[in-house]
Protein backbone atom coordinates (compact mmCIF):
# COMPACT_ATOMS: atom_id res chain seq x y z
CA MET A 1 -6.14 24.71 88.70
CA SER A 2 -6.79 21.28 86.93
CA ALA A 3 -8.13 22.60 84.04
CA LEU A 4 -4.98 24.82 83.39
CA ILE A 5 -2.56 21.45 84.16
CA THR A 6 -4.57 19.43 81.76
CA PHE A 7 -4.65 22.09 79.38
CA ILE A 8 -0.62 22.03 79.58
CA GLU A 9 -0.82 18.18 79.15
CA GLU A 10 -2.32 18.60 76.20
CA LYS A 11 -0.34 21.12 74.51
CA ASP A 12 2.75 19.14 75.28
CA LEU A 13 1.86 15.98 73.81
CA THR A 14 0.70 17.90 70.77
CA PHE A 15 3.73 19.44 70.12
CA PHE A 16 5.58 16.26 71.26
CA TYR A 17 3.67 14.84 68.48
CA PHE A 18 4.42 17.33 66.28
CA LEU A 19 8.00 17.62 66.82
CA ASN A 20 8.76 13.74 67.07
CA ARG A 21 6.29 12.36 64.79
CA ARG A 22 5.19 15.07 61.79
CA LEU A 23 8.91 16.18 61.50
CA HIS A 24 10.72 13.29 61.21
CA TYR A 25 12.63 13.02 58.54
CA THR A 26 16.43 11.00 58.01
CA ALA A 27 18.47 14.39 56.99
CA LEU A 28 16.77 16.24 60.05
CA THR A 29 17.10 13.39 62.51
CA ALA A 30 20.74 12.97 61.76
CA PHE A 31 21.10 16.89 62.33
CA MET A 32 19.11 16.35 65.58
CA ARG A 33 21.46 13.82 66.82
CA THR A 34 24.50 15.89 66.42
CA ILE A 35 23.46 19.09 67.78
CA THR A 36 21.83 17.43 70.58
CA GLN A 37 25.83 16.84 71.95
CA LEU A 38 25.90 20.27 72.66
CA GLY A 39 24.18 19.60 75.53
CA SER A 40 26.14 16.27 76.79
CA THR A 41 27.98 16.01 79.63
CA LEU A 42 30.89 15.28 77.53
CA PHE A 43 30.71 18.19 75.78
CA SER A 44 30.06 20.30 78.86
CA VAL A 45 33.19 19.14 80.57
CA CYS A 46 35.49 19.95 77.63
CA ILE A 47 34.03 23.15 76.89
CA SER A 48 34.42 24.27 80.63
CA LEU A 49 38.14 22.35 80.71
CA PHE A 50 38.78 24.64 77.28
CA PHE A 51 38.09 28.16 79.09
CA ILE A 52 39.04 27.30 82.26
CA ILE A 53 42.52 27.31 79.84
CA TYR A 54 41.85 30.14 77.65
CA ASP A 55 40.03 32.46 80.11
CA ARG A 56 40.09 31.24 83.64
CA LYS A 57 37.15 33.54 84.90
CA ALA A 58 34.97 32.79 81.94
CA GLY A 59 35.57 29.24 82.32
CA PHE A 60 35.03 28.99 86.51
CA PHE A 61 31.65 31.06 85.65
CA LEU A 62 30.49 28.43 83.47
CA ALA A 63 31.74 25.28 85.60
CA SER A 64 29.85 27.01 88.23
CA ASN A 65 26.45 27.40 86.23
CA LEU A 66 26.75 23.76 84.78
CA ILE A 67 27.76 22.24 88.56
CA LEU A 68 24.95 23.32 90.00
CA GLY A 69 22.13 23.61 87.07
CA GLN A 70 23.01 19.92 86.79
CA ILE A 71 22.87 19.07 90.68
CA LEU A 72 19.30 20.95 90.59
CA ILE A 73 18.37 18.86 87.72
CA GLN A 74 19.67 15.49 88.73
CA LEU A 75 17.66 16.31 92.17
CA LEU A 76 14.57 16.77 90.39
CA LYS A 77 14.89 14.11 87.71
CA ARG A 78 14.85 11.32 90.95
CA VAL A 79 12.17 13.53 93.18
CA VAL A 80 9.55 13.52 90.13
CA ASN A 81 10.49 10.37 88.34
CA ARG A 82 8.56 11.26 85.16
CA PRO A 83 9.14 8.77 82.65
CA ARG A 84 10.62 9.17 79.26
CA PRO A 85 8.01 9.86 76.05
CA TYR A 86 9.50 6.70 74.65
CA LYS A 87 8.69 4.48 77.73
CA THR A 88 4.99 5.49 78.34
CA LEU A 89 3.91 6.33 74.47
CA ASP A 90 4.05 3.35 71.81
CA TRP A 91 3.97 5.47 69.03
CA VAL A 92 7.33 7.90 69.89
CA ILE A 93 10.18 7.64 67.14
CA ALA A 94 13.20 7.21 69.33
CA LYS A 95 16.64 5.36 68.37
CA LYS A 96 19.78 5.47 70.76
CA PRO A 97 17.74 6.65 73.90
CA PRO A 98 19.71 7.86 76.82
CA ARG A 99 20.27 5.50 80.04
CA CYS A 100 18.55 7.48 82.32
CA ALA A 101 15.28 6.55 82.86
CA TYR A 102 13.77 10.08 84.03
CA SER A 103 12.61 13.02 81.79
CA PHE A 104 11.84 15.90 83.71
CA PRO A 105 13.85 18.05 83.33
CA SER A 106 15.87 17.81 80.56
CA GLY A 107 19.37 17.85 81.67
CA HIS A 108 21.02 18.54 78.09
CA SER A 109 18.74 21.47 77.54
CA SER A 110 19.92 23.06 80.62
CA SER A 111 23.70 22.55 79.82
CA ALA A 112 23.09 24.17 76.44
CA LEU A 113 21.53 27.37 77.90
CA SER A 114 24.19 27.31 81.13
CA ILE A 115 27.07 27.36 77.87
CA ALA A 116 25.14 29.96 76.03
CA LEU A 117 24.41 32.27 79.00
CA SER A 118 27.71 31.83 81.04
CA LEU A 119 29.52 32.42 77.44
CA SER A 120 27.57 35.28 76.62
CA ALA A 121 27.80 37.32 79.59
CA PHE A 122 32.20 37.12 78.35
CA PHE A 123 31.54 37.30 74.94
CA PRO A 124 28.29 39.44 73.99
CA GLY A 125 28.76 38.77 70.27
CA LEU A 126 28.31 35.57 70.34
CA LYS A 127 25.03 35.70 72.50
CA ILE A 128 22.66 35.26 69.60
CA ALA A 129 24.66 32.35 67.98
CA LEU A 130 24.69 30.59 71.51
CA LEU A 131 21.07 31.25 72.35
CA CYS A 132 20.21 30.03 69.15
CA LEU A 133 22.49 26.95 69.34
CA ALA A 134 20.71 26.18 72.89
CA LEU A 135 17.31 26.36 71.61
CA LEU A 136 18.13 23.76 68.97
CA VAL A 137 19.63 21.60 71.58
CA GLY A 138 15.82 21.64 73.44
CA ILE A 139 14.16 21.22 70.18
CA SER A 140 16.40 18.03 69.22
CA ARG A 141 16.03 15.87 72.52
CA VAL A 142 11.70 16.27 71.97
CA CYS A 143 12.62 15.73 68.19
CA LEU A 144 14.61 12.57 68.99
CA GLY A 145 11.66 11.49 71.26
CA PHE A 146 13.73 11.70 74.70
CA HIS A 147 11.95 14.75 76.62
CA TYR A 148 8.21 16.54 76.41
CA PRO A 149 8.49 20.28 75.70
CA THR A 150 8.03 21.04 79.16
CA ASP A 151 10.89 18.77 80.29
CA VAL A 152 13.06 21.30 78.12
CA THR A 153 11.27 24.47 79.05
CA ILE A 154 12.05 23.86 82.80
CA GLY A 155 15.62 22.78 82.18
CA PHE A 156 16.28 26.07 80.51
CA LEU A 157 13.84 27.93 83.71
CA ILE A 158 16.55 25.87 85.84
CA SER A 159 19.48 27.19 83.48
CA PHE A 160 18.41 30.98 83.66
CA VAL A 161 17.65 31.03 87.42
CA VAL A 162 20.93 29.56 88.37
CA PHE A 163 22.72 31.74 86.04
CA GLU A 164 21.16 34.95 87.82
CA ILE A 165 21.83 33.61 91.31
CA ILE A 166 25.49 33.17 90.00
CA GLU A 167 25.85 36.29 88.35
CA ILE A 168 24.33 38.04 91.08
CA SER A 169 26.33 36.68 93.95
CA ILE A 170 29.98 37.31 91.81
């Protein structure tokens, strides 16, 4: 088991280095700083309120997914206490890092996938575009130096599980 954990940790760091250091270009960073906002709390609240007004059922479904997912994310952050990469690795490029000290799991990634899955359930024609945007949010979190790839992966997994639970229960 320890060999598997070591392998995952090595790949996590290698992929993080590639996205944060090797792909660090001014234009890409500017794009990533913009796209990452699609997983922010402000965006999540605004899009939920918009859909509650526009399509009540879709809005409440979206809000339910976001709220339950973020409760789990915030609980896990405090239980695991994994520091963000820019706090432990001296070579990380991270400008304007988030206030929250905890890295695992990624709340932005979780929110972005919750939004994508929830809206795809009501607007299936947008599914591919929404999922691509969610994936970009996850990549942005690593490129910007705020999360390791495993933080993003587990954030996505939590959103998917929450979505399935809520979808089954409705």
